[in-house]
Amino acid sequence: MQVYVARSADAAETRVPMLPVDVGRLVKLGAQMEVQAGIGQSIDFPDSDYEGAGAQISADRKASLGRAEMVLQMSVPSSEDIQKLQAECVHASYLDPFSNTDLVKELADRQVSGISLEMIPRTTIAQKMDVLSSQANLAGYVAVILASARQKKILPMMTTPAGTIAPARVFVIGAGVAGLQAIATAKRLGARVDGFDVRPDAQEQIRSLGAKPLIVDLGETGQTKGGYAKQLTPEQLDLQRQAMAKQCAQSDIVITTARVFGRKAPVIVTNDMLDGMKPGSVVELGPAPDDPVEVYVDGRLHARGVLTDVDGELCVRIEELRSAPAVEVSE
């Protein structure tokens, strides 16, 4: 089988689909491996490492896509790439099929079999192929590290000859895999941590890590079979935002990790909440499919980057956290 490992067109995506050691395993099984030139550049693996594992290096993406029987890449394929694939090719990557229905139809029209990595069943036997919990776990850790680096206060309580320094307050929104890791990391760094999740079962998990859960009576809520929170009603979202606005105002760092699988994430932290936060507070976005924070500068929504409001009081860092520890998330 002719297998082509392609680089992502998204410059923010630093993960790679396959390491040289994995390429070598497939070569031993008889696969003809071809990788795009510079495939491992983001994690400091030169092309020579892939050649040493038995792969051919290709500088012609169009030709490689056209002759491949299987294509492996991280990000959602572009329409241009799909048109280059031959019929009966197998394409494996993130697809986000609920949000990209036109892309799924395009794959079907080209008679290409698309494997959506995030749709692999979350079972014990498929655990090694998980691309959700494993990536979210690392993103929760990185969110706290990046936020603490931007915060001008230290996180732990510290006693000095001049007096006692109070611990920084961290508020984590969402207590899934990413949120629980963020809570645990912030606690290890000595912060005073509060957590919130709409799922009643999550309150005990928040407490088990030494954090204090924010209790909001939202009425009936629940979770999907995959463990994700169900979408809230507009009335429930209003109640949630009122309670969280008070908590955000007390916090030095706010980390959002909430997501609704297969749907656009609701706006969790609004501009009004940001306006009520203390000068120098940091908001860090976790691994949600869409940015759950309203950030407008000059009337335009910013999706990535480091932003400071007009008075220089509020830092907001928004980026693809799953790709930050590029080596570990690629393994």
C-alpha atoms as a PDB file:
ATOM      1  CA  MET A   1       0.000   0.000   0.000  1.00  0.00           C
ATOM      2  CA  GLN A   2       1.198   3.504  -0.884  1.00  0.00           C
ATOM      3  CA  VAL A   3       0.894   5.688   2.246  1.00  0.00           C
ATOM      4  CA  TYR A   4       1.477   9.445   2.201  1.00  0.00           C
ATOM      5  CA  VAL A   5       2.017  11.433   5.419  1.00  0.00           C
ATOM      6  CA  ALA A   6       1.147  15.083   4.787  1.00  0.00           C
ATOM      7  CA  ARG A   7       1.948  18.286   6.653  1.00  0.00           C
ATOM      8  CA  SER A   8      -0.876  20.442   7.941  1.00  0.00           C
ATOM      9  CA  ALA A   9      -1.631  23.631   6.017  1.00  0.00           C
ATOM     10  CA  ASP A  10      -2.379  25.364   9.331  1.00  0.00           C
ATOM     11  CA  ALA A  11       0.750  27.112  10.566  1.00  0.00           C
ATOM     12  CA  ALA A  12      -0.478  26.866  14.175  1.00  0.00           C
ATOM     13  CA  GLU A  13      -0.592  23.057  13.982  1.00  0.00           C
ATOM     14  CA  THR A  14       2.756  21.803  15.249  1.00  0.00           C
ATOM     15  CA  ARG A  15       1.752  18.177  15.783  1.00  0.00           C
ATOM     16  CA  VAL A  16       2.862  15.609  13.217  1.00  0.00           C
ATOM     17  CA  PRO A  17       0.852  12.536  12.170  1.00  0.00           C
ATOM     18  CA  MET A  18       3.721  10.070  12.424  1.00  0.00           C
ATOM     19  CA  LEU A  19       7.180   9.866  13.994  1.00  0.00           C
ATOM     20  CA  PRO A  20      10.128   8.144  12.241  1.00  0.00           C
ATOM     21  CA  VAL A  21       9.875   5.124  14.554  1.00  0.00           C
ATOM     22  CA  ASP A  22       6.236   4.617  13.527  1.00  0.00           C
ATOM     23  CA  VAL A  23       7.124   4.984   9.859  1.00  0.00           C
ATOM     24  CA  GLY A  24       9.713   2.246  10.320  1.00  0.00           C
ATOM     25  CA  ARG A  25       7.107  -0.127  11.777  1.00  0.00           C
ATOM     26  CA  LEU A  26       4.838   0.303   8.750  1.00  0.00           C
ATOM     27  CA  VAL A  27       7.767  -0.156   6.357  1.00  0.00           C
ATOM     28  CA  LYS A  28       8.536  -3.494   8.038  1.00  0.00           C
ATOM     29  CA  LEU A  29       4.899  -4.493   7.434  1.00  0.00           C
ATOM     30  CA  GLY A  30       5.350  -3.846   3.723  1.00  0.00           C
ATOM     31  CA  ALA A  31       3.929  -0.350   3.306  1.00  0.00           C
ATOM     32  CA  GLN A  32       5.505   2.054   0.819  1.00  0.00           C
ATOM     33  CA  MET A  33       5.878   5.164   2.945  1.00  0.00           C
ATOM     34  CA  GLU A  34       6.152   8.661   1.529  1.00  0.00           C
ATOM     35  CA  VAL A  35       6.314  11.765   3.737  1.00  0.00           C
ATOM     36  CA  GLN A  36       6.110  15.412   2.824  1.00  0.00           C
ATOM     37  CA  ALA A  37       9.395  17.277   3.028  1.00  0.00           C
ATOM     38  CA  GLY A  38       9.787  18.990   6.400  1.00  0.00           C
ATOM     39  CA  ILE A  39       7.099  16.826   8.042  1.00  0.00           C
ATOM     40  CA  GLY A  40       8.974  16.659  11.366  1.00  0.00           C
ATOM     41  CA  GLN A  41      10.387  20.175  11.365  1.00  0.00           C
ATOM     42  CA  SER A  42       8.078  21.454  14.109  1.00  0.00           C
ATOM     43  CA  ILE A  43       9.367  18.814  16.559  1.00  0.00           C
ATOM     44  CA  ASP A  44      13.006  18.827  15.398  1.00  0.00           C
ATOM     45  CA  PHE A  45      12.959  15.582  13.405  1.00  0.00           C
ATOM     46  CA  PRO A  46      14.919  16.133  10.169  1.00  0.00           C
ATOM     47  CA  ASP A  47      13.906  14.480   6.896  1.00  0.00           C
ATOM     48  CA  SER A  48      16.987  12.254   7.200  1.00  0.00           C
ATOM     49  CA  ASP A  49      15.380  10.506  10.214  1.00  0.00           C
ATOM     50  CA  TYR A  50      12.376   9.578   8.096  1.00  0.00           C
ATOM     51  CA  GLU A  51      14.630   8.450   5.243  1.00  0.00           C
ATOM     52  CA  GLY A  52      16.553   6.320   7.702  1.00  0.00           C
ATOM     53  CA  ALA A  53      13.275   4.676   8.719  1.00  0.00           C
ATOM     54  CA  GLY A  54      12.611   3.706   5.110  1.00  0.00           C
ATOM     55  CA  ALA A  55      10.384   6.524   3.845  1.00  0.00           C
ATOM     56  CA  GLN A  56      10.728   8.526   0.652  1.00  0.00           C
ATOM     57  CA  ILE A  57      10.748  12.330   0.984  1.00  0.00           C
ATOM     58  CA  SER A  58       8.378  14.145  -1.351  1.00  0.00           C
ATOM     59  CA  ALA A  59       8.496  17.820  -2.232  1.00  0.00           C
ATOM     60  CA  ASP A  60       5.508  17.509  -4.605  1.00  0.00           C
ATOM     61  CA  ARG A  61       2.376  17.456  -2.441  1.00  0.00           C
ATOM     62  CA  LYS A  62      -0.001  17.386  -5.409  1.00  0.00           C
ATOM     63  CA  ALA A  63       1.616  14.350  -7.029  1.00  0.00           C
ATOM     64  CA  SER A  64       1.901  12.499  -3.727  1.00  0.00           C
ATOM     65  CA  LEU A  65      -1.767  13.031  -2.899  1.00  0.00           C
ATOM     66  CA  GLY A  66      -2.738  11.830  -6.366  1.00  0.00           C
ATOM     67  CA  ARG A  67      -0.931   8.484  -6.139  1.00  0.00           C
ATOM     68  CA  ALA A  68      -1.533   7.688  -2.451  1.00  0.00           C
ATOM     69  CA  GLU A  69      -3.818   4.844  -1.437  1.00  0.00           C
ATOM     70  CA  MET A  70      -3.885   6.189   2.138  1.00  0.00           C
ATOM     71  CA  VAL A  71      -3.247   9.737   3.373  1.00  0.00           C
ATOM     72  CA  LEU A  72      -2.433  10.560   6.999  1.00  0.00           C
ATOM     73  CA  GLN A  73      -2.477  14.120   8.340  1.00  0.00           C
ATOM     74  CA  MET A  74      -3.497  16.024  11.458  1.00  0.00           C
ATOM     75  CA  SER A  75      -5.865  18.786  10.371  1.00  0.00           C
ATOM     76  CA  VAL A  76      -9.078  18.766   8.365  1.00  0.00           C
ATOM     77  CA  PRO A  77      -8.236  18.418   4.647  1.00  0.00           C
ATOM     78  CA  SER A  78      -8.884  21.328   2.334  1.00  0.00           C
ATOM     79  CA  SER A  79     -11.225  21.073  -0.626  1.00  0.00           C
ATOM     80  CA  GLU A  80      -8.219  21.443  -2.925  1.00  0.00           C
ATOM     81  CA  ASP A  81      -6.498  18.436  -1.340  1.00  0.00           C
ATOM     82  CA  ILE A  82      -9.646  16.307  -1.554  1.00  0.00           C
ATOM     83  CA  GLN A  83      -9.913  16.976  -5.288  1.00  0.00           C
ATOM     84  CA  LYS A  84      -6.383  15.593  -5.769  1.00  0.00           C
ATOM     85  CA  LEU A  85      -7.174  12.241  -4.104  1.00  0.00           C
ATOM     86  CA  GLN A  86      -7.887   9.199  -6.240  1.00  0.00           C
ATOM     87  CA  ALA A  87     -11.068   7.158  -5.898  1.00  0.00           C
ATOM     88  CA  GLU A  88     -11.017   4.512  -3.130  1.00  0.00           C
ATOM     89  CA  CYS A  89      -8.254   6.337  -1.274  1.00  0.00           C
ATOM     90  CA  VAL A  90      -8.454   6.280   2.524  1.00  0.00           C
ATOM     91  CA  HIS A  91      -7.927   9.608   4.301  1.00  0.00           C
ATOM     92  CA  ALA A  92      -7.351   9.627   8.091  1.00  0.00           C
ATOM     93  CA  SER A  93      -7.270  12.875  10.090  1.00  0.00           C
ATOM     94  CA  TYR A  94      -9.358  15.097  12.317  1.00  0.00           C
ATOM     95  CA  LEU A  95     -12.549  15.789  10.358  1.00  0.00           C
ATOM     96  CA  ASP A  96     -15.017  17.381  12.807  1.00  0.00           C
ATOM     97  CA  PRO A  97     -17.805  15.795  10.710  1.00  0.00           C
ATOM     98  CA  PHE A  98     -20.711  17.453  12.540  1.00  0.00           C
ATOM     99  CA  SER A  99     -19.405  20.911  11.680  1.00  0.00           C
ATOM    100  CA  ASN A 100     -18.004  20.014   8.252  1.00  0.00           C
ATOM    101  CA  THR A 101     -20.925  18.312   6.536  1.00  0.00           C
ATOM    102  CA  ASP A 102     -19.966  19.762   3.140  1.00  0.00           C
ATOM    103  CA  LEU A 103     -16.493  18.266   3.487  1.00  0.00           C
ATOM    104  CA  VAL A 104     -17.939  14.826   4.318  1.00  0.00           C
ATOM    105  CA  LYS A 105     -20.136  15.040   1.218  1.00  0.00           C
ATOM    106  CA  GLU A 106     -17.142  16.043  -0.876  1.00  0.00           C
ATOM    107  CA  LEU A 107     -15.193  13.013   0.325  1.00  0.00           C
ATOM    108  CA  ALA A 108     -18.146  10.783  -0.542  1.00  0.00           C
ATOM    109  CA  ASP A 109     -18.510  12.331  -3.997  1.00  0.00           C
ATOM    110  CA  ARG A 110     -14.830  11.608  -4.667  1.00  0.00           C
ATOM    111  CA  GLN A 111     -15.343   8.019  -3.418  1.00  0.00           C
ATOM    112  CA  VAL A 112     -12.762   8.624  -0.705  1.00  0.00           C
ATOM    113  CA  SER A 113     -13.121   6.829   2.624  1.00  0.00           C
ATOM    114  CA  GLY A 114     -12.648   9.354   5.407  1.00  0.00           C
ATOM    115  CA  ILE A 115     -11.598   8.194   8.876  1.00  0.00           C
ATOM    116  CA  SER A 116     -12.452  10.794  11.509  1.00  0.00           C
ATOM    117  CA  LEU A 117      -9.959  10.296  14.341  1.00  0.00           C
ATOM    118  CA  GLU A 118     -12.189  11.982  16.919  1.00  0.00           C
ATOM    119  CA  MET A 119     -15.011   9.529  16.110  1.00  0.00           C
ATOM    120  CA  ILE A 120     -13.007   6.413  16.993  1.00  0.00           C
ATOM    121  CA  PRO A 121     -15.048   4.672  19.743  1.00  0.00           C
ATOM    122  CA  ARG A 122     -13.805   5.438  23.251  1.00  0.00           C
ATOM    123  CA  THR A 123     -13.368   1.805  24.238  1.00  0.00           C
ATOM    124  CA  THR A 124     -10.575  -0.033  26.029  1.00  0.00           C
ATOM    125  CA  ILE A 125      -9.376  -1.807  22.902  1.00  0.00           C
ATOM    126  CA  ALA A 126      -9.185   1.498  20.979  1.00  0.00           C
ATOM    127  CA  GLN A 127      -7.550   3.460  23.796  1.00  0.00           C
ATOM    128  CA  LYS A 128      -4.203   3.766  22.024  1.00  0.00           C
ATOM    129  CA  MET A 129      -5.925   5.515  19.109  1.00  0.00           C
ATOM    130  CA  ASP A 130      -7.594   8.133  21.314  1.00  0.00           C
ATOM    131  CA  VAL A 131      -7.091  11.701  20.071  1.00  0.00           C
ATOM    132  CA  LEU A 132      -9.495  13.432  22.450  1.00  0.00           C
ATOM    133  CA  SER A 133      -8.684  12.686  26.089  1.00  0.00           C
ATOM    134  CA  SER A 134      -4.939  12.274  25.488  1.00  0.00           C
ATOM    135  CA  GLN A 135      -4.649  15.644  23.779  1.00  0.00           C
ATOM    136  CA  ALA A 136      -6.995  17.413  26.195  1.00  0.00           C
ATOM    137  CA  ASN A 137      -5.005  16.154  29.176  1.00  0.00           C
ATOM    138  CA  LEU A 138      -1.831  17.813  27.909  1.00  0.00           C
ATOM    139  CA  ALA A 139      -3.703  20.971  26.884  1.00  0.00           C
ATOM    140  CA  GLY A 140      -5.052  21.418  30.414  1.00  0.00           C
ATOM    141  CA  TYR A 141      -1.525  21.298  31.791  1.00  0.00           C
ATOM    142  CA  VAL A 142      -0.152  23.713  29.199  1.00  0.00           C
ATOM    143  CA  ALA A 143      -3.011  26.174  29.767  1.00  0.00           C
ATOM    144  CA  VAL A 144      -1.968  26.646  33.404  1.00  0.00           C
ATOM    145  CA  ILE A 145       1.749  26.912  32.589  1.00  0.00           C
ATOM    146  CA  LEU A 146       1.165  29.562  29.911  1.00  0.00           C
ATOM    147  CA  ALA A 147      -1.296  31.508  32.047  1.00  0.00           C
ATOM    148  CA  SER A 148       1.034  31.524  35.063  1.00  0.00           C
ATOM    149  CA  ALA A 149       3.889  32.735  32.867  1.00  0.00           C
ATOM    150  CA  ARG A 150       1.814  35.720  31.729  1.00  0.00           C
ATOM    151  CA  GLN A 151       0.453  36.496  35.181  1.00  0.00           C
ATOM    152  CA  LYS A 152       2.530  39.096  37.026  1.00  0.00           C
ATOM    153  CA  LYS A 153       1.786  37.424  40.383  1.00  0.00           C
ATOM    154  CA  ILE A 154       3.186  34.170  41.719  1.00  0.00           C
ATOM    155  CA  LEU A 155       0.714  31.341  42.238  1.00  0.00           C
ATOM    156  CA  PRO A 156       1.631  29.904  45.673  1.00  0.00           C
ATOM    157  CA  MET A 157       1.240  31.458  49.079  1.00  0.00           C
ATOM    158  CA  MET A 158       4.663  32.446  50.336  1.00  0.00           C
ATOM    159  CA  THR A 159       5.883  33.768  53.684  1.00  0.00           C
ATOM    160  CA  THR A 160       8.768  36.228  53.550  1.00  0.00           C
ATOM    161  CA  PRO A 161      10.466  38.423  56.202  1.00  0.00           C
ATOM    162  CA  ALA A 162       8.418  41.308  54.812  1.00  0.00           C
ATOM    163  CA  GLY A 163       5.094  39.502  55.153  1.00  0.00           C
ATOM    164  CA  THR A 164       2.893  36.806  53.657  1.00  0.00           C
ATOM    165  CA  ILE A 165       1.966  36.730  49.973  1.00  0.00           C
ATOM    166  CA  ALA A 166      -1.548  35.440  49.342  1.00  0.00           C
ATOM    167  CA  PRO A 167      -1.942  32.693  46.727  1.00  0.00           C
ATOM    168  CA  ALA A 168      -3.245  33.583  43.294  1.00  0.00           C
ATOM    169  CA  ARG A 169      -6.822  32.549  42.533  1.00  0.00           C
ATOM    170  CA  VAL A 170      -7.431  30.322  39.528  1.00  0.00           C
ATOM    171  CA  PHE A 171     -10.917  29.631  38.167  1.00  0.00           C
ATOM    172  CA  VAL A 172     -11.243  26.612  35.846  1.00  0.00           C
ATOM    173  CA  ILE A 173     -14.431  26.382  33.785  1.00  0.00           C
ATOM    174  CA  GLY A 174     -15.187  22.826  32.716  1.00  0.00           C
ATOM    175  CA  ALA A 175     -14.137  19.735  34.664  1.00  0.00           C
ATOM    176  CA  GLY A 176     -13.582  17.266  31.890  1.00  0.00           C
ATOM    177  CA  VAL A 177     -10.194  15.763  31.130  1.00  0.00           C
ATOM    178  CA  ALA A 178      -8.574  19.127  30.319  1.00  0.00           C
ATOM    179  CA  GLY A 179     -10.244  20.942  33.206  1.00  0.00           C
ATOM    180  CA  LEU A 180      -9.291  18.373  35.827  1.00  0.00           C
ATOM    181  CA  GLN A 181      -5.682  18.423  34.643  1.00  0.00           C
ATOM    182  CA  ALA A 182      -5.721  22.236  34.789  1.00  0.00           C
ATOM    183  CA  ILE A 183      -7.084  22.104  38.340  1.00  0.00           C
ATOM    184  CA  ALA A 184      -4.459  19.563  39.415  1.00  0.00           C
ATOM    185  CA  THR A 185      -1.634  21.561  37.826  1.00  0.00           C
ATOM    186  CA  ALA A 186      -2.756  24.853  39.393  1.00  0.00           C
ATOM    187  CA  LYS A 187      -3.002  23.159  42.801  1.00  0.00           C
ATOM    188  CA  ARG A 188       0.494  21.696  42.429  1.00  0.00           C
ATOM    189  CA  LEU A 189       1.757  25.205  41.719  1.00  0.00           C
ATOM    190  CA  GLY A 190       0.154  26.393  44.957  1.00  0.00           C
ATOM    191  CA  ALA A 191      -2.801  28.411  43.675  1.00  0.00           C
ATOM    192  CA  ARG A 192      -6.218  28.673  45.314  1.00  0.00           C
ATOM    193  CA  VAL A 193      -8.424  26.940  42.752  1.00  0.00           C
ATOM    194  CA  ASP A 194     -12.150  27.091  42.048  1.00  0.00           C
ATOM    195  CA  GLY A 195     -13.830  24.916  39.439  1.00  0.00           C
ATOM    196  CA  PHE A 196     -17.152  24.817  37.659  1.00  0.00           C
ATOM    197  CA  ASP A 197     -18.969  22.259  35.539  1.00  0.00           C
ATOM    198  CA  VAL A 198     -22.644  21.933  34.666  1.00  0.00           C
ATOM    199  CA  ARG A 199     -22.567  18.163  35.313  1.00  0.00           C
ATOM    200  CA  PRO A 200     -23.512  17.357  38.932  1.00  0.00           C
ATOM    201  CA  ASP A 201     -21.170  14.336  38.973  1.00  0.00           C
ATOM    202  CA  ALA A 202     -18.195  16.598  38.319  1.00  0.00           C
ATOM    203  CA  GLN A 203     -18.475  18.402  41.663  1.00  0.00           C
ATOM    204  CA  GLU A 204     -16.939  15.516  43.583  1.00  0.00           C
ATOM    205  CA  GLN A 205     -14.110  15.239  41.045  1.00  0.00           C
ATOM    206  CA  ILE A 206     -13.319  18.921  41.545  1.00  0.00           C
ATOM    207  CA  ARG A 207     -13.250  18.454  45.329  1.00  0.00           C
ATOM    208  CA  SER A 208     -11.048  15.352  45.040  1.00  0.00           C
ATOM    209  CA  LEU A 209      -8.278  17.497  43.549  1.00  0.00           C
ATOM    210  CA  GLY A 210      -8.423  20.015  46.379  1.00  0.00           C
ATOM    211  CA  ALA A 211     -10.387  22.694  44.519  1.00  0.00           C
ATOM    212  CA  LYS A 212     -13.642  24.335  45.543  1.00  0.00           C
ATOM    213  CA  PRO A 213     -16.580  23.777  43.172  1.00  0.00           C
ATOM    214  CA  LEU A 214     -18.738  26.738  42.193  1.00  0.00           C
ATOM    215  CA  ILE A 215     -22.297  25.566  42.811  1.00  0.00           C
ATOM    216  CA  VAL A 216     -24.970  27.015  40.500  1.00  0.00           C
ATOM    217  CA  ASP A 217     -28.537  25.677  40.547  1.00  0.00           C
ATOM    218  CA  LEU A 218     -29.245  25.250  36.825  1.00  0.00           C
ATOM    219  CA  GLY A 219     -32.072  22.778  37.193  1.00  0.00           C
ATOM    220  CA  GLU A 220     -31.865  19.615  35.111  1.00  0.00           C
ATOM    221  CA  THR A 221     -28.541  19.110  33.303  1.00  0.00           C
ATOM    222  CA  GLY A 222     -26.743  16.006  32.146  1.00  0.00           C
ATOM    223  CA  GLN A 223     -24.045  14.542  29.957  1.00  0.00           C
ATOM    224  CA  THR A 224     -23.737  12.532  26.756  1.00  0.00           C
ATOM    225  CA  LYS A 225     -22.681   8.884  26.594  1.00  0.00           C
ATOM    226  CA  GLY A 226     -19.181  10.128  25.752  1.00  0.00           C
ATOM    227  CA  GLY A 227     -19.010  12.156  28.965  1.00  0.00           C
ATOM    228  CA  TYR A 228     -19.540  15.599  27.441  1.00  0.00           C
ATOM    229  CA  ALA A 229     -21.941  18.139  28.910  1.00  0.00           C
ATOM    230  CA  LYS A 230     -25.291  18.501  27.174  1.00  0.00           C
ATOM    231  CA  GLN A 231     -26.145  21.851  25.632  1.00  0.00           C
ATOM    232  CA  LEU A 232     -27.772  24.282  28.081  1.00  0.00           C
ATOM    233  CA  THR A 233     -30.911  26.303  27.471  1.00  0.00           C
ATOM    234  CA  PRO A 234     -30.592  30.114  27.093  1.00  0.00           C
ATOM    235  CA  GLU A 235     -32.079  30.540  30.583  1.00  0.00           C
ATOM    236  CA  GLN A 236     -29.528  28.147  32.089  1.00  0.00           C
ATOM    237  CA  LEU A 237     -26.691  29.944  30.300  1.00  0.00           C
ATOM    238  CA  ASP A 238     -27.827  33.282  31.770  1.00  0.00           C
ATOM    239  CA  LEU A 239     -27.850  31.851  35.307  1.00  0.00           C
ATOM    240  CA  GLN A 240     -24.429  30.307  34.742  1.00  0.00           C
ATOM    241  CA  ARG A 241     -22.933  33.560  33.446  1.00  0.00           C
ATOM    242  CA  GLN A 242     -24.273  35.588  36.371  1.00  0.00           C
ATOM    243  CA  ALA A 243     -22.572  33.266  38.869  1.00  0.00           C
ATOM    244  CA  MET A 244     -19.370  33.040  36.859  1.00  0.00           C
ATOM    245  CA  ALA A 245     -19.134  36.825  36.483  1.00  0.00           C
ATOM    246  CA  LYS A 246     -18.707  37.147  40.256  1.00  0.00           C
ATOM    247  CA  GLN A 247     -16.119  34.361  40.317  1.00  0.00           C
ATOM    248  CA  CYS A 248     -14.168  35.834  37.394  1.00  0.00           C
ATOM    249  CA  ALA A 249     -14.021  39.200  39.168  1.00  0.00           C
ATOM    250  CA  GLN A 250     -12.271  37.512  42.130  1.00  0.00           C
ATOM    251  CA  SER A 251      -9.846  35.486  40.012  1.00  0.00           C
ATOM    252  CA  ASP A 252      -6.352  36.204  38.758  1.00  0.00           C
ATOM    253  CA  ILE A 253      -6.477  33.478  36.096  1.00  0.00           C
ATOM    254  CA  VAL A 254      -9.521  32.062  34.307  1.00  0.00           C
ATOM    255  CA  ILE A 255      -9.122  28.918  32.195  1.00  0.00           C
ATOM    256  CA  THR A 256     -11.955  27.720  29.975  1.00  0.00           C
ATOM    257  CA  THR A 257     -12.056  24.080  28.882  1.00  0.00           C
ATOM    258  CA  ALA A 258     -15.782  23.517  28.356  1.00  0.00           C
ATOM    259  CA  ARG A 259     -16.970  21.999  25.097  1.00  0.00           C
ATOM    260  CA  VAL A 260     -20.100  20.407  23.641  1.00  0.00           C
ATOM    261  CA  PHE A 261     -19.140  17.539  21.361  1.00  0.00           C
ATOM    262  CA  GLY A 262     -20.236  18.030  17.762  1.00  0.00           C
ATOM    263  CA  ARG A 263     -21.541  21.553  18.330  1.00  0.00           C
ATOM    264  CA  LYS A 264     -20.113  25.028  18.529  1.00  0.00           C
ATOM    265  CA  ALA A 265     -19.008  25.815  22.071  1.00  0.00           C
ATOM    266  CA  PRO A 266     -21.244  28.403  23.771  1.00  0.00           C
ATOM    267  CA  VAL A 267     -19.772  31.768  24.698  1.00  0.00           C
ATOM    268  CA  ILE A 268     -18.855  31.241  28.337  1.00  0.00           C
ATOM    269  CA  VAL A 269     -16.825  34.301  29.277  1.00  0.00           C
ATOM    270  CA  THR A 270     -18.444  37.435  27.877  1.00  0.00           C
ATOM    271  CA  ASN A 271     -17.044  40.918  27.359  1.00  0.00           C
ATOM    272  CA  ASP A 272     -18.958  42.063  30.441  1.00  0.00           C
ATOM    273  CA  MET A 273     -17.153  39.422  32.513  1.00  0.00           C
ATOM    274  CA  LEU A 274     -13.811  40.524  31.095  1.00  0.00           C
ATOM    275  CA  ASP A 275     -14.583  44.147  31.974  1.00  0.00           C
ATOM    276  CA  GLY A 276     -15.246  43.086  35.574  1.00  0.00           C
ATOM    277  CA  MET A 277     -11.947  41.267  36.038  1.00  0.00           C
ATOM    278  CA  LYS A 278      -8.969  42.696  37.898  1.00  0.00           C
ATOM    279  CA  PRO A 279      -6.173  44.512  36.046  1.00  0.00           C
ATOM    280  CA  GLY A 280      -3.567  42.027  34.847  1.00  0.00           C
ATOM    281  CA  SER A 281      -5.909  39.031  34.954  1.00  0.00           C
ATOM    282  CA  VAL A 282      -5.261  36.306  32.390  1.00  0.00           C
ATOM    283  CA  VAL A 283      -7.836  34.305  30.437  1.00  0.00           C
ATOM    284  CA  GLU A 284      -6.509  31.107  28.868  1.00  0.00           C
ATOM    285  CA  LEU A 285      -8.525  29.120  26.343  1.00  0.00           C
ATOM    286  CA  GLY A 286      -8.452  25.359  26.587  1.00  0.00           C
ATOM    287  CA  PRO A 287      -9.142  22.763  23.857  1.00  0.00           C
ATOM    288  CA  ALA A 288     -12.605  23.756  22.693  1.00  0.00           C
ATOM    289  CA  PRO A 289     -13.609  23.446  19.026  1.00  0.00           C
ATOM    290  CA  ASP A 290     -14.577  27.129  18.996  1.00  0.00           C
ATOM    291  CA  ASP A 291     -13.397  29.994  21.157  1.00  0.00           C
ATOM    292  CA  PRO A 292     -15.712  30.153  24.212  1.00  0.00           C
ATOM    293  CA  VAL A 293     -14.688  33.717  25.050  1.00  0.00           C
ATOM    294  CA  GLU A 294     -15.877  36.949  23.499  1.00  0.00           C
ATOM    295  CA  VAL A 295     -12.826  39.013  22.624  1.00  0.00           C
ATOM    296  CA  TYR A 296     -13.481  42.105  20.570  1.00  0.00           C
ATOM    297  CA  VAL A 297     -10.905  44.752  19.731  1.00  0.00           C
ATOM    298  CA  ASP A 298     -12.052  47.612  17.503  1.00  0.00           C
ATOM    299  CA  GLY A 299     -15.287  45.725  16.957  1.00  0.00           C
ATOM    300  CA  ARG A 300     -13.593  42.634  15.497  1.00  0.00           C
ATOM    301  CA  LEU A 301     -13.529  39.162  17.027  1.00  0.00           C
ATOM    302  CA  HIS A 302      -9.981  37.888  17.500  1.00  0.00           C
ATOM    303  CA  ALA A 303      -9.536  34.122  17.390  1.00  0.00           C
ATOM    304  CA  ARG A 304      -5.827  33.803  18.163  1.00  0.00           C
ATOM    305  CA  GLY A 305      -2.967  35.718  19.644  1.00  0.00           C
ATOM    306  CA  VAL A 306      -2.202  37.754  22.718  1.00  0.00           C
ATOM    307  CA  LEU A 307      -4.561  40.676  23.215  1.00  0.00           C
ATOM    308  CA  THR A 308      -4.501  43.612  25.613  1.00  0.00           C
ATOM    309  CA  ASP A 309      -7.456  45.931  26.071  1.00  0.00           C
ATOM    310  CA  VAL A 310      -7.255  49.653  25.326  1.00  0.00           C
ATOM    311  CA  ASP A 311      -6.070  50.493  28.846  1.00  0.00           C
ATOM    312  CA  GLY A 312      -3.466  47.731  28.917  1.00  0.00           C
ATOM    313  CA  GLU A 313      -5.163  46.124  31.891  1.00  0.00           C
ATOM    314  CA  LEU A 314      -6.304  42.727  30.671  1.00  0.00           C
ATOM    315  CA  CYS A 315      -4.186  40.127  28.904  1.00  0.00           C
ATOM    316  CA  VAL A 316      -6.049  37.459  26.957  1.00  0.00           C
ATOM    317  CA  ARG A 317      -4.055  34.668  25.371  1.00  0.00           C
ATOM    318  CA  ILE A 318      -5.875  32.550  22.797  1.00  0.00           C
ATOM    319  CA  GLU A 319      -4.178  29.752  20.916  1.00  0.00           C
ATOM    320  CA  GLU A 320      -4.398  26.088  19.974  1.00  0.00           C
ATOM    321  CA  LEU A 321      -3.193  24.600  23.253  1.00  0.00           C
ATOM    322  CA  ARG A 322      -3.348  21.007  22.066  1.00  0.00           C
ATOM    323  CA  SER A 323      -0.388  21.656  19.782  1.00  0.00           C
ATOM    324  CA  ALA A 324       1.803  23.371  22.392  1.00  0.00           C
ATOM    325  CA  PRO A 325       3.669  20.293  23.755  1.00  0.00           C
ATOM    326  CA  ALA A 326       4.264  19.161  20.173  1.00  0.00           C
ATOM    327  CA  VAL A 327       6.565  16.229  20.885  1.00  0.00           C
ATOM    328  CA  GLU A 328       4.361  14.488  23.444  1.00  0.00           C
ATOM    329  CA  VAL A 329       1.093  15.010  21.559  1.00  0.00           C
ATOM    330  CA  SER A 330       2.679  13.594  18.404  1.00  0.00           C
ATOM    331  CA  GLU A 331       3.873  10.390  20.066  1.00  0.00           C
END
